[in-house]
N, C-alpha and C. Protein backbone atom coordinates (compact mmCIF):
# COMPACT_ATOMS: atom_id res chain seq x y z
N MET A 1 -8.74 29.48 -6.36
CA MET A 1 -8.84 30.24 -5.12
C MET A 1 -10.30 30.48 -4.78
N PRO A 2 -10.67 30.30 -3.51
CA PRO A 2 -12.04 30.61 -3.13
C PRO A 2 -12.29 32.10 -3.23
N GLY A 3 -13.51 32.49 -3.50
CA GLY A 3 -13.80 33.91 -3.62
C GLY A 3 -15.27 34.17 -3.41
N GLY A 4 -15.60 35.43 -3.17
CA GLY A 4 -16.97 35.79 -2.91
C GLY A 4 -17.79 35.94 -4.18
N GLN A 5 -17.14 35.97 -5.36
CA GLN A 5 -17.86 36.13 -6.61
C GLN A 5 -17.70 34.87 -7.45
N THR A 6 -18.68 34.59 -8.28
CA THR A 6 -18.53 33.52 -9.24
C THR A 6 -17.78 34.05 -10.44
N GLU A 7 -17.22 33.13 -11.22
CA GLU A 7 -16.44 33.56 -12.37
C GLU A 7 -17.32 34.28 -13.40
N ARG A 8 -18.65 34.05 -13.38
CA ARG A 8 -19.53 34.72 -14.33
C ARG A 8 -19.58 36.23 -14.06
N THR A 9 -19.29 36.65 -12.84
CA THR A 9 -19.38 38.07 -12.51
C THR A 9 -18.01 38.73 -12.48
N LEU A 10 -16.96 37.99 -12.74
CA LEU A 10 -15.62 38.55 -12.70
C LEU A 10 -15.22 39.09 -14.06
N SER A 11 -14.35 40.09 -14.03
CA SER A 11 -13.82 40.62 -15.29
C SER A 11 -12.83 39.62 -15.87
N PRO A 12 -12.59 39.66 -17.18
CA PRO A 12 -11.61 38.77 -17.78
C PRO A 12 -10.23 38.89 -17.12
N ARG A 13 -9.87 40.10 -16.74
CA ARG A 13 -8.56 40.28 -16.09
C ARG A 13 -8.51 39.57 -14.74
N GLU A 14 -9.59 39.67 -13.97
CA GLU A 14 -9.60 39.02 -12.67
C GLU A 14 -9.64 37.50 -12.81
N ILE A 15 -10.35 37.01 -13.82
CA ILE A 15 -10.37 35.56 -14.07
C ILE A 15 -8.96 35.07 -14.37
N LYS A 16 -8.23 35.80 -15.21
CA LYS A 16 -6.87 35.38 -15.54
C LYS A 16 -5.96 35.49 -14.33
N ARG A 17 -6.14 36.53 -13.54
CA ARG A 17 -5.33 36.68 -12.32
C ARG A 17 -5.53 35.50 -11.40
N ARG A 18 -6.78 35.08 -11.22
CA ARG A 18 -7.06 33.94 -10.35
C ARG A 18 -6.50 32.65 -10.92
N LYS A 19 -6.54 32.54 -12.24
CA LYS A 19 -5.98 31.36 -12.89
C LYS A 19 -4.47 31.27 -12.63
N ILE A 20 -3.80 32.40 -12.69
CA ILE A 20 -2.36 32.43 -12.42
C ILE A 20 -2.09 32.09 -10.96
N LEU A 21 -2.88 32.64 -10.05
CA LEU A 21 -2.69 32.34 -8.63
C LEU A 21 -2.91 30.86 -8.35
N ARG A 22 -3.93 30.28 -8.98
CA ARG A 22 -4.18 28.84 -8.80
C ARG A 22 -2.99 28.03 -9.30
N ALA A 23 -2.46 28.41 -10.44
CA ALA A 23 -1.29 27.72 -10.98
C ALA A 23 -0.11 27.86 -10.03
N ALA A 24 0.08 29.06 -9.47
CA ALA A 24 1.19 29.28 -8.55
C ALA A 24 1.05 28.41 -7.29
N ILE A 25 -0.17 28.31 -6.77
CA ILE A 25 -0.40 27.46 -5.60
C ILE A 25 0.04 26.03 -5.90
N ASP A 26 -0.41 25.50 -7.03
CA ASP A 26 -0.10 24.11 -7.37
C ASP A 26 1.39 23.89 -7.61
N VAL A 27 2.01 24.84 -8.31
CA VAL A 27 3.45 24.71 -8.60
C VAL A 27 4.27 24.84 -7.32
N PHE A 28 3.96 25.82 -6.48
CA PHE A 28 4.71 26.00 -5.23
C PHE A 28 4.55 24.79 -4.32
N ALA A 29 3.36 24.20 -4.31
CA ALA A 29 3.13 23.03 -3.47
C ALA A 29 3.90 21.82 -3.99
N GLU A 30 3.99 21.68 -5.30
CA GLU A 30 4.65 20.52 -5.89
C GLU A 30 6.17 20.64 -5.86
N LYS A 31 6.68 21.80 -6.25
CA LYS A 31 8.12 21.97 -6.42
C LYS A 31 8.80 22.64 -5.23
N GLY A 32 8.01 23.33 -4.39
CA GLY A 32 8.59 24.17 -3.36
C GLY A 32 8.79 25.57 -3.91
N TYR A 33 8.60 26.57 -3.05
CA TYR A 33 8.67 27.95 -3.52
C TYR A 33 10.02 28.28 -4.15
N PHE A 34 11.10 27.91 -3.49
CA PHE A 34 12.42 28.34 -3.96
C PHE A 34 12.84 27.61 -5.23
N ALA A 35 12.39 26.38 -5.41
CA ALA A 35 12.74 25.62 -6.61
C ALA A 35 11.87 25.99 -7.80
N ALA A 36 10.67 26.50 -7.52
CA ALA A 36 9.74 26.84 -8.60
C ALA A 36 10.24 28.07 -9.36
N ARG A 37 9.92 28.10 -10.65
CA ARG A 37 10.29 29.24 -11.49
C ARG A 37 9.01 29.90 -12.01
N MET A 38 9.15 31.16 -12.35
CA MET A 38 8.00 31.87 -12.91
C MET A 38 7.53 31.20 -14.19
N THR A 39 8.46 30.65 -14.96
CA THR A 39 8.08 29.98 -16.21
C THR A 39 7.25 28.73 -15.92
N ASP A 40 7.51 28.06 -14.77
CA ASP A 40 6.70 26.91 -14.39
C ASP A 40 5.25 27.33 -14.14
N VAL A 41 5.10 28.47 -13.48
CA VAL A 41 3.76 28.99 -13.19
C VAL A 41 3.07 29.37 -14.49
N ALA A 42 3.79 30.00 -15.40
CA ALA A 42 3.21 30.41 -16.68
C ALA A 42 2.72 29.20 -17.46
N HIS A 43 3.53 28.15 -17.49
CA HIS A 43 3.13 26.94 -18.22
C HIS A 43 1.90 26.31 -17.59
N ARG A 44 1.85 26.25 -16.26
CA ARG A 44 0.71 25.65 -15.59
C ARG A 44 -0.57 26.48 -15.82
N ALA A 45 -0.40 27.80 -15.88
CA ALA A 45 -1.55 28.68 -16.11
C ALA A 45 -1.90 28.80 -17.59
N ASP A 46 -1.04 28.25 -18.44
CA ASP A 46 -1.24 28.30 -19.89
C ASP A 46 -1.26 29.75 -20.39
N VAL A 47 -0.28 30.51 -19.92
CA VAL A 47 -0.11 31.88 -20.39
C VAL A 47 1.36 32.09 -20.76
N ALA A 48 1.62 33.13 -21.53
CA ALA A 48 3.01 33.45 -21.87
C ALA A 48 3.75 33.95 -20.64
N ASP A 49 5.06 33.69 -20.60
CA ASP A 49 5.86 34.10 -19.45
C ASP A 49 5.67 35.59 -19.16
N GLY A 50 5.68 36.40 -20.20
CA GLY A 50 5.57 37.83 -20.01
C GLY A 50 4.23 38.26 -19.44
N THR A 51 3.21 37.45 -19.66
CA THR A 51 1.88 37.79 -19.15
C THR A 51 1.87 37.83 -17.62
N LEU A 52 2.66 36.97 -17.00
CA LEU A 52 2.71 36.94 -15.53
C LEU A 52 3.07 38.32 -14.97
N TYR A 53 3.99 38.99 -15.65
CA TYR A 53 4.49 40.25 -15.12
C TYR A 53 3.53 41.42 -15.36
N LEU A 54 2.47 41.16 -16.10
CA LEU A 54 1.41 42.15 -16.22
C LEU A 54 0.51 42.14 -14.98
N TYR A 55 0.61 41.06 -14.22
CA TYR A 55 -0.24 40.88 -13.04
C TYR A 55 0.56 40.87 -11.73
N PHE A 56 1.78 40.37 -11.79
CA PHE A 56 2.59 40.21 -10.58
C PHE A 56 4.03 40.64 -10.86
N GLU A 57 4.64 41.29 -9.87
CA GLU A 57 5.99 41.80 -10.05
C GLU A 57 7.03 40.69 -10.08
N GLY A 58 6.75 39.58 -9.45
CA GLY A 58 7.68 38.48 -9.40
C GLY A 58 7.15 37.38 -8.52
N LYS A 59 8.01 36.42 -8.21
CA LYS A 59 7.59 35.24 -7.47
C LYS A 59 7.17 35.59 -6.04
N GLU A 60 7.89 36.52 -5.42
CA GLU A 60 7.51 36.92 -4.06
C GLU A 60 6.15 37.58 -4.03
N HIS A 61 5.89 38.42 -5.02
CA HIS A 61 4.59 39.08 -5.11
C HIS A 61 3.48 38.04 -5.29
N LEU A 62 3.74 36.98 -6.04
CA LEU A 62 2.79 35.89 -6.21
C LEU A 62 2.48 35.24 -4.86
N LEU A 63 3.52 34.95 -4.10
CA LEU A 63 3.34 34.28 -2.81
C LEU A 63 2.54 35.15 -1.85
N VAL A 64 2.88 36.42 -1.78
CA VAL A 64 2.16 37.35 -0.91
C VAL A 64 0.71 37.48 -1.36
N SER A 65 0.47 37.48 -2.65
CA SER A 65 -0.89 37.60 -3.17
C SER A 65 -1.72 36.37 -2.83
N ILE A 66 -1.12 35.19 -2.89
CA ILE A 66 -1.83 33.97 -2.49
C ILE A 66 -2.27 34.10 -1.03
N PHE A 67 -1.35 34.51 -0.19
CA PHE A 67 -1.61 34.65 1.24
C PHE A 67 -2.72 35.68 1.49
N ASP A 68 -2.58 36.85 0.88
CA ASP A 68 -3.55 37.93 1.11
C ASP A 68 -4.92 37.59 0.55
N ASP A 69 -4.96 36.94 -0.62
CA ASP A 69 -6.25 36.59 -1.22
C ASP A 69 -7.00 35.59 -0.36
N MET A 70 -6.27 34.61 0.18
CA MET A 70 -6.91 33.61 1.02
C MET A 70 -7.52 34.27 2.25
N PHE A 71 -6.75 35.13 2.92
CA PHE A 71 -7.24 35.77 4.14
C PHE A 71 -8.31 36.82 3.83
N SER A 72 -8.25 37.46 2.67
CA SER A 72 -9.29 38.41 2.28
C SER A 72 -10.63 37.70 2.15
N THR A 73 -10.62 36.56 1.46
CA THR A 73 -11.85 35.78 1.30
C THR A 73 -12.35 35.29 2.65
N PHE A 74 -11.42 34.81 3.46
CA PHE A 74 -11.79 34.31 4.78
C PHE A 74 -12.42 35.41 5.63
N ILE A 75 -11.82 36.58 5.64
CA ILE A 75 -12.33 37.70 6.45
C ILE A 75 -13.72 38.11 5.99
N GLN A 76 -13.94 38.16 4.68
CA GLN A 76 -15.27 38.50 4.15
C GLN A 76 -16.32 37.49 4.61
N GLN A 77 -15.98 36.20 4.52
CA GLN A 77 -16.92 35.16 4.94
C GLN A 77 -17.18 35.24 6.44
N LEU A 78 -16.13 35.47 7.20
CA LEU A 78 -16.28 35.55 8.65
C LEU A 78 -17.19 36.71 9.04
N GLN A 79 -16.93 37.87 8.49
CA GLN A 79 -17.73 39.05 8.85
C GLN A 79 -19.20 38.85 8.49
N ALA A 80 -19.44 38.17 7.36
CA ALA A 80 -20.83 37.90 6.95
C ALA A 80 -21.50 36.93 7.91
N GLU A 81 -20.78 35.90 8.35
CA GLU A 81 -21.39 34.86 9.17
C GLU A 81 -21.59 35.28 10.62
N ILE A 82 -20.75 36.17 11.13
CA ILE A 82 -20.88 36.55 12.54
C ILE A 82 -21.66 37.84 12.74
N ALA A 83 -22.11 38.44 11.64
CA ALA A 83 -22.77 39.75 11.72
C ALA A 83 -23.99 39.71 12.65
N GLU A 84 -24.72 38.58 12.65
CA GLU A 84 -25.93 38.48 13.44
C GLU A 84 -25.72 37.74 14.76
N LEU A 85 -24.49 37.34 15.04
CA LEU A 85 -24.22 36.58 16.27
C LEU A 85 -23.88 37.53 17.41
N SER A 86 -24.33 37.18 18.60
CA SER A 86 -24.05 38.00 19.77
C SER A 86 -23.12 37.30 20.76
N ASP A 87 -22.98 36.00 20.65
CA ASP A 87 -22.17 35.23 21.59
C ASP A 87 -20.73 35.13 21.07
N PRO A 88 -19.75 35.69 21.78
CA PRO A 88 -18.36 35.63 21.33
C PRO A 88 -17.83 34.20 21.17
N LEU A 89 -18.32 33.28 22.00
CA LEU A 89 -17.86 31.90 21.88
C LEU A 89 -18.33 31.30 20.56
N GLU A 90 -19.54 31.63 20.16
CA GLU A 90 -20.04 31.14 18.87
C GLU A 90 -19.30 31.81 17.72
N LYS A 91 -18.95 33.08 17.88
CA LYS A 91 -18.16 33.76 16.85
C LYS A 91 -16.80 33.08 16.69
N LEU A 92 -16.20 32.70 17.81
CA LEU A 92 -14.92 32.01 17.76
C LEU A 92 -15.07 30.67 17.06
N ARG A 93 -16.15 29.96 17.34
CA ARG A 93 -16.39 28.68 16.70
C ARG A 93 -16.50 28.84 15.18
N VAL A 94 -17.22 29.87 14.74
CA VAL A 94 -17.37 30.13 13.31
C VAL A 94 -16.02 30.45 12.69
N MET A 95 -15.23 31.26 13.37
CA MET A 95 -13.92 31.65 12.85
C MET A 95 -13.02 30.43 12.65
N LEU A 96 -12.98 29.56 13.63
CA LEU A 96 -12.13 28.38 13.51
C LEU A 96 -12.67 27.41 12.47
N ARG A 97 -14.00 27.28 12.38
CA ARG A 97 -14.59 26.40 11.37
C ARG A 97 -14.22 26.86 9.97
N LEU A 98 -14.36 28.15 9.70
CA LEU A 98 -14.03 28.67 8.38
C LEU A 98 -12.56 28.47 8.04
N HIS A 99 -11.70 28.66 9.02
CA HIS A 99 -10.26 28.48 8.82
C HIS A 99 -9.96 27.03 8.44
N LEU A 100 -10.51 26.09 9.20
CA LEU A 100 -10.26 24.68 8.93
C LEU A 100 -10.89 24.23 7.62
N GLN A 101 -12.07 24.74 7.31
CA GLN A 101 -12.72 24.39 6.05
C GLN A 101 -11.92 24.87 4.86
N ALA A 102 -11.45 26.12 4.92
CA ALA A 102 -10.74 26.71 3.79
C ALA A 102 -9.48 25.92 3.44
N LEU A 103 -8.74 25.52 4.44
CA LEU A 103 -7.50 24.78 4.19
C LEU A 103 -7.74 23.29 4.04
N GLY A 104 -8.77 22.77 4.71
CA GLY A 104 -9.05 21.35 4.61
C GLY A 104 -9.51 20.91 3.24
N ARG A 105 -10.12 21.83 2.47
CA ARG A 105 -10.58 21.45 1.14
C ARG A 105 -9.55 21.76 0.06
N ASP A 106 -8.41 22.30 0.42
CA ASP A 106 -7.40 22.66 -0.59
C ASP A 106 -6.02 22.38 0.00
N ARG A 107 -5.58 21.13 -0.13
CA ARG A 107 -4.33 20.72 0.49
C ARG A 107 -3.12 21.46 -0.08
N ALA A 108 -3.15 21.76 -1.37
CA ALA A 108 -2.04 22.50 -1.98
C ALA A 108 -1.93 23.89 -1.37
N LEU A 109 -3.07 24.56 -1.22
CA LEU A 109 -3.07 25.89 -0.61
C LEU A 109 -2.57 25.80 0.83
N ALA A 110 -3.04 24.80 1.56
CA ALA A 110 -2.59 24.63 2.94
C ALA A 110 -1.08 24.43 3.00
N HIS A 111 -0.55 23.65 2.06
CA HIS A 111 0.91 23.41 2.03
C HIS A 111 1.67 24.71 1.80
N VAL A 112 1.20 25.51 0.86
CA VAL A 112 1.89 26.78 0.57
C VAL A 112 1.86 27.69 1.79
N LEU A 113 0.70 27.82 2.42
CA LEU A 113 0.56 28.73 3.56
C LEU A 113 1.31 28.23 4.79
N GLN A 114 1.28 26.93 5.01
CA GLN A 114 1.86 26.39 6.25
C GLN A 114 3.34 26.05 6.13
N ILE A 115 3.78 25.68 4.94
CA ILE A 115 5.16 25.20 4.77
C ILE A 115 6.02 26.20 4.01
N GLU A 116 5.58 26.58 2.83
CA GLU A 116 6.42 27.40 1.96
C GLU A 116 6.61 28.81 2.49
N THR A 117 5.64 29.33 3.22
CA THR A 117 5.77 30.71 3.73
C THR A 117 6.65 30.80 4.97
N ARG A 118 7.06 29.67 5.52
CA ARG A 118 7.80 29.68 6.78
C ARG A 118 9.31 29.65 6.60
N HIS A 119 9.77 29.69 5.35
CA HIS A 119 11.20 29.58 5.08
C HIS A 119 11.97 30.87 5.32
N SER A 120 11.27 31.97 5.48
CA SER A 120 11.95 33.26 5.54
C SER A 120 11.28 34.18 6.55
N ARG A 121 12.06 34.81 7.39
CA ARG A 121 11.53 35.81 8.32
C ARG A 121 10.96 36.98 7.53
N ARG A 122 11.56 37.28 6.40
CA ARG A 122 11.06 38.37 5.56
C ARG A 122 9.62 38.08 5.12
N PHE A 123 9.35 36.84 4.71
CA PHE A 123 7.99 36.49 4.31
C PHE A 123 7.02 36.74 5.45
N MET A 124 7.35 36.27 6.63
CA MET A 124 6.44 36.39 7.76
C MET A 124 6.23 37.86 8.13
N ASN A 125 7.26 38.67 8.00
CA ASN A 125 7.10 40.10 8.27
C ASN A 125 6.15 40.74 7.26
N LEU A 126 6.26 40.33 5.99
CA LEU A 126 5.37 40.85 4.96
C LEU A 126 3.93 40.44 5.25
N PHE A 127 3.72 39.18 5.62
CA PHE A 127 2.37 38.68 5.84
C PHE A 127 1.74 39.33 7.08
N THR A 128 2.55 39.52 8.11
CA THR A 128 2.03 40.09 9.35
C THR A 128 1.57 41.53 9.14
N ARG A 129 2.17 42.22 8.19
CA ARG A 129 1.76 43.59 7.90
C ARG A 129 0.56 43.66 6.96
N GLY A 130 0.13 42.51 6.44
CA GLY A 130 -0.97 42.49 5.49
C GLY A 130 -2.25 41.96 6.11
N ARG A 131 -2.90 41.07 5.38
CA ARG A 131 -4.20 40.55 5.79
C ARG A 131 -4.12 39.71 7.06
N LEU A 132 -2.97 39.10 7.32
CA LEU A 132 -2.84 38.31 8.55
C LEU A 132 -3.04 39.20 9.77
N ASP A 133 -2.52 40.42 9.72
CA ASP A 133 -2.69 41.35 10.83
C ASP A 133 -4.18 41.67 11.04
N GLU A 134 -4.93 41.80 9.95
CA GLU A 134 -6.36 42.05 10.06
C GLU A 134 -7.07 40.83 10.66
N TYR A 135 -6.67 39.65 10.23
CA TYR A 135 -7.22 38.40 10.77
C TYR A 135 -7.00 38.34 12.28
N LEU A 136 -5.77 38.59 12.70
CA LEU A 136 -5.45 38.53 14.13
C LEU A 136 -6.20 39.62 14.90
N GLY A 137 -6.42 40.77 14.26
CA GLY A 137 -7.19 41.82 14.90
C GLY A 137 -8.64 41.41 15.14
N LEU A 138 -9.22 40.70 14.17
CA LEU A 138 -10.58 40.20 14.34
C LEU A 138 -10.65 39.17 15.46
N LEU A 139 -9.66 38.29 15.50
CA LEU A 139 -9.62 37.28 16.56
C LEU A 139 -9.49 37.95 17.92
N ARG A 140 -8.61 38.92 18.02
CA ARG A 140 -8.44 39.62 19.30
C ARG A 140 -9.73 40.36 19.68
N GLY A 141 -10.42 40.92 18.69
CA GLY A 141 -11.67 41.60 18.98
C GLY A 141 -12.72 40.67 19.56
N ILE A 142 -12.79 39.44 19.04
CA ILE A 142 -13.73 38.45 19.57
C ILE A 142 -13.38 38.11 21.01
N ILE A 143 -12.09 37.95 21.27
CA ILE A 143 -11.64 37.61 22.63
C ILE A 143 -11.92 38.76 23.60
N GLU A 144 -11.64 39.98 23.19
CA GLU A 144 -11.91 41.13 24.06
C GLU A 144 -13.40 41.28 24.32
N GLU A 145 -14.23 41.04 23.31
CA GLU A 145 -15.68 41.10 23.49
C GLU A 145 -16.13 40.04 24.49
N GLY A 146 -15.56 38.85 24.37
CA GLY A 146 -15.91 37.79 25.29
C GLY A 146 -15.52 38.12 26.73
N GLN A 147 -14.40 38.78 26.89
CA GLN A 147 -13.98 39.18 28.23
C GLN A 147 -14.89 40.26 28.80
N GLU A 148 -15.27 41.21 27.96
CA GLU A 148 -16.16 42.28 28.42
C GLU A 148 -17.52 41.74 28.85
N LEU A 149 -18.01 40.72 28.15
CA LEU A 149 -19.32 40.15 28.44
C LEU A 149 -19.27 39.06 29.51
N GLY A 150 -18.06 38.73 29.97
CA GLY A 150 -17.94 37.69 30.97
C GLY A 150 -18.00 36.28 30.41
N ARG A 151 -17.95 36.14 29.10
CA ARG A 151 -17.96 34.81 28.48
C ARG A 151 -16.58 34.19 28.47
N PHE A 152 -15.55 35.03 28.46
CA PHE A 152 -14.17 34.55 28.52
C PHE A 152 -13.52 35.09 29.79
N ARG A 153 -12.50 34.42 30.23
CA ARG A 153 -11.77 34.83 31.43
C ARG A 153 -11.13 36.20 31.23
N ARG A 154 -11.18 37.00 32.27
CA ARG A 154 -10.59 38.33 32.20
C ARG A 154 -9.15 38.37 32.72
N ASP A 155 -8.69 37.25 33.29
CA ASP A 155 -7.34 37.23 33.85
C ASP A 155 -6.30 36.78 32.83
N ILE A 156 -6.69 36.65 31.57
CA ILE A 156 -5.76 36.30 30.49
C ILE A 156 -5.66 37.50 29.56
N LYS A 157 -4.47 37.97 29.29
CA LYS A 157 -4.30 39.12 28.41
C LYS A 157 -4.79 38.78 27.00
N PRO A 158 -5.56 39.68 26.38
CA PRO A 158 -6.10 39.40 25.04
C PRO A 158 -5.03 39.07 24.02
N GLY A 159 -3.89 39.75 24.10
CA GLY A 159 -2.82 39.48 23.14
C GLY A 159 -2.30 38.07 23.26
N LEU A 160 -2.11 37.60 24.48
CA LEU A 160 -1.64 36.23 24.70
C LEU A 160 -2.69 35.23 24.25
N ALA A 161 -3.95 35.48 24.58
CA ALA A 161 -5.01 34.56 24.18
C ALA A 161 -5.10 34.47 22.66
N THR A 162 -4.92 35.59 21.98
CA THR A 162 -4.96 35.61 20.52
C THR A 162 -3.85 34.72 19.95
N LYS A 163 -2.65 34.84 20.50
CA LYS A 163 -1.52 34.03 20.02
C LYS A 163 -1.75 32.55 20.29
N VAL A 164 -2.32 32.23 21.45
CA VAL A 164 -2.56 30.83 21.80
C VAL A 164 -3.59 30.21 20.86
N VAL A 165 -4.68 30.93 20.62
CA VAL A 165 -5.73 30.39 19.75
C VAL A 165 -5.21 30.23 18.32
N PHE A 166 -4.57 31.27 17.80
CA PHE A 166 -4.05 31.17 16.43
C PHE A 166 -2.99 30.08 16.34
N GLY A 167 -2.12 30.00 17.34
CA GLY A 167 -1.08 28.98 17.34
C GLY A 167 -1.65 27.58 17.35
N ALA A 168 -2.74 27.39 18.08
CA ALA A 168 -3.37 26.07 18.14
C ALA A 168 -3.92 25.66 16.78
N VAL A 169 -4.61 26.59 16.12
CA VAL A 169 -5.17 26.30 14.79
C VAL A 169 -4.04 26.06 13.79
N ASP A 170 -3.04 26.90 13.85
CA ASP A 170 -1.91 26.81 12.93
C ASP A 170 -1.20 25.47 13.07
N GLU A 171 -0.96 25.04 14.28
CA GLU A 171 -0.28 23.76 14.52
C GLU A 171 -1.14 22.59 14.09
N LEU A 172 -2.45 22.70 14.31
CA LEU A 172 -3.36 21.63 13.90
C LEU A 172 -3.32 21.42 12.39
N VAL A 173 -3.31 22.53 11.64
CA VAL A 173 -3.27 22.43 10.19
C VAL A 173 -1.94 21.82 9.74
N THR A 174 -0.84 22.25 10.34
CA THR A 174 0.47 21.70 9.97
C THR A 174 0.55 20.21 10.27
N SER A 175 0.05 19.80 11.43
CA SER A 175 0.06 18.37 11.78
C SER A 175 -0.79 17.56 10.81
N TRP A 176 -1.92 18.13 10.40
CA TRP A 176 -2.78 17.47 9.42
C TRP A 176 -2.05 17.28 8.09
N LEU A 177 -1.30 18.29 7.68
CA LEU A 177 -0.54 18.20 6.42
C LEU A 177 0.52 17.12 6.48
N LEU A 178 1.16 16.98 7.62
CA LEU A 178 2.29 16.06 7.75
C LEU A 178 1.86 14.65 8.10
N ALA A 179 0.59 14.45 8.41
CA ALA A 179 0.10 13.13 8.82
C ALA A 179 0.15 12.15 7.65
N ASP A 180 0.43 10.90 7.93
CA ASP A 180 0.49 9.88 6.90
C ASP A 180 -0.89 9.49 6.38
N ARG A 181 -1.91 9.57 7.25
CA ARG A 181 -3.24 9.14 6.83
C ARG A 181 -4.14 10.35 6.59
N GLU A 182 -5.07 10.16 5.68
CA GLU A 182 -6.00 11.23 5.34
C GLU A 182 -7.09 11.35 6.40
N THR A 183 -7.32 12.55 6.87
CA THR A 183 -8.41 12.82 7.80
C THR A 183 -9.07 14.13 7.39
N ARG A 184 -10.29 14.34 7.84
CA ARG A 184 -10.97 15.61 7.58
C ARG A 184 -10.50 16.63 8.60
N LEU A 185 -9.90 17.69 8.13
CA LEU A 185 -9.37 18.71 9.02
C LEU A 185 -10.48 19.31 9.89
N GLU A 186 -11.63 19.57 9.30
CA GLU A 186 -12.73 20.19 10.04
C GLU A 186 -13.25 19.31 11.17
N ALA A 187 -12.99 17.98 11.07
CA ALA A 187 -13.47 17.06 12.11
C ALA A 187 -12.80 17.33 13.45
N GLN A 188 -11.70 18.07 13.43
CA GLN A 188 -10.98 18.37 14.67
C GLN A 188 -11.60 19.54 15.43
N LEU A 189 -12.57 20.23 14.81
CA LEU A 189 -13.13 21.43 15.42
C LEU A 189 -13.76 21.19 16.80
N PRO A 190 -14.61 20.18 16.99
CA PRO A 190 -15.23 20.00 18.31
C PRO A 190 -14.22 19.85 19.44
N ASN A 191 -13.20 19.03 19.23
CA ASN A 191 -12.18 18.86 20.27
C ASN A 191 -11.40 20.14 20.51
N MET A 192 -11.10 20.86 19.43
CA MET A 192 -10.36 22.11 19.59
C MET A 192 -11.19 23.13 20.36
N MET A 193 -12.47 23.24 20.02
CA MET A 193 -13.33 24.19 20.72
C MET A 193 -13.45 23.82 22.20
N LYS A 194 -13.54 22.55 22.49
CA LYS A 194 -13.65 22.12 23.88
C LYS A 194 -12.39 22.50 24.65
N LEU A 195 -11.24 22.25 24.04
CA LEU A 195 -9.97 22.57 24.69
C LEU A 195 -9.83 24.07 24.90
N LEU A 196 -10.13 24.85 23.86
CA LEU A 196 -9.97 26.30 23.97
C LEU A 196 -10.99 26.90 24.91
N SER A 197 -12.22 26.42 24.86
CA SER A 197 -13.25 27.00 25.73
C SER A 197 -12.97 26.70 27.19
N GLN A 198 -12.43 25.54 27.46
CA GLN A 198 -12.10 25.21 28.85
C GLN A 198 -11.04 26.15 29.39
N GLY A 199 -10.18 26.63 28.50
CA GLY A 199 -9.15 27.56 28.96
C GLY A 199 -9.58 29.01 28.95
N LEU A 200 -10.58 29.34 28.12
CA LEU A 200 -10.98 30.73 27.96
C LEU A 200 -12.14 31.14 28.85
N VAL A 201 -13.08 30.24 29.07
CA VAL A 201 -14.27 30.65 29.81
C VAL A 201 -14.01 30.60 31.31
N PRO A 202 -14.75 31.37 32.10
CA PRO A 202 -14.60 31.32 33.55
C PRO A 202 -14.88 29.92 34.08
N CYS A 203 -14.33 29.62 35.25
CA CYS A 203 -14.41 28.27 35.81
C CYS A 203 -15.84 27.77 35.94
N GLU A 204 -16.77 28.64 36.31
CA GLU A 204 -18.15 28.20 36.55
C GLU A 204 -18.86 27.84 35.26
N MET A 205 -18.23 28.11 34.07
CA MET A 205 -18.87 27.83 32.79
C MET A 205 -18.18 26.68 32.07
N HIS A 206 -17.43 25.86 32.76
CA HIS A 206 -16.66 24.82 32.12
C HIS A 206 -17.50 23.68 31.55
N ASP A 207 -18.80 23.73 31.72
CA ASP A 207 -19.65 22.70 31.15
C ASP A 207 -20.11 23.07 29.74
N VAL A 208 -19.59 24.20 29.18
CA VAL A 208 -20.02 24.63 27.86
C VAL A 208 -19.60 23.61 26.82
N GLU A 209 -20.46 23.40 25.84
CA GLU A 209 -20.15 22.46 24.76
C GLU A 209 -19.68 23.22 23.53
């Protein structure tokens, strides 16, 4: 799992927790969430079955933790990178780049987040109440800032714009996962930004790159 700290600065407990999460990502991606067993995760992590329950309540808790950890890391990176930026369009570009980079370099993680988490409405309700809600709040904040500054169109409701932008990124990642040929996910960023900016910015600014 990506993280803001190196393993040299992590406690032994956190190192083992991350090892278990990494094992869960790989097992869920290979076997599917519902077919995977906790014992499969324990074997992949090279820990005793009972050790898993010292860190996670069960398989659902593992899945939610994978989701929340990924978005926690992403949010930290995003906030650090946009702290000095004043242009909402550039902030949006950074946000989408980080999203595509995070999943593009870890296909197993992308599979778990895009495929395995979609099998249950309960899962999506859990995720929406967690870090995903914070992610969407940051995205909406960028859009609202852009509207206030005149960089984005004001005739589009921020909530709808947030759903459209997130939906576009989400679908792009899923299509990348299902594609027969290997491509760099991040390579799609320029075209995506062009498409989104043409829809978000006022008409007189449609020449933005």
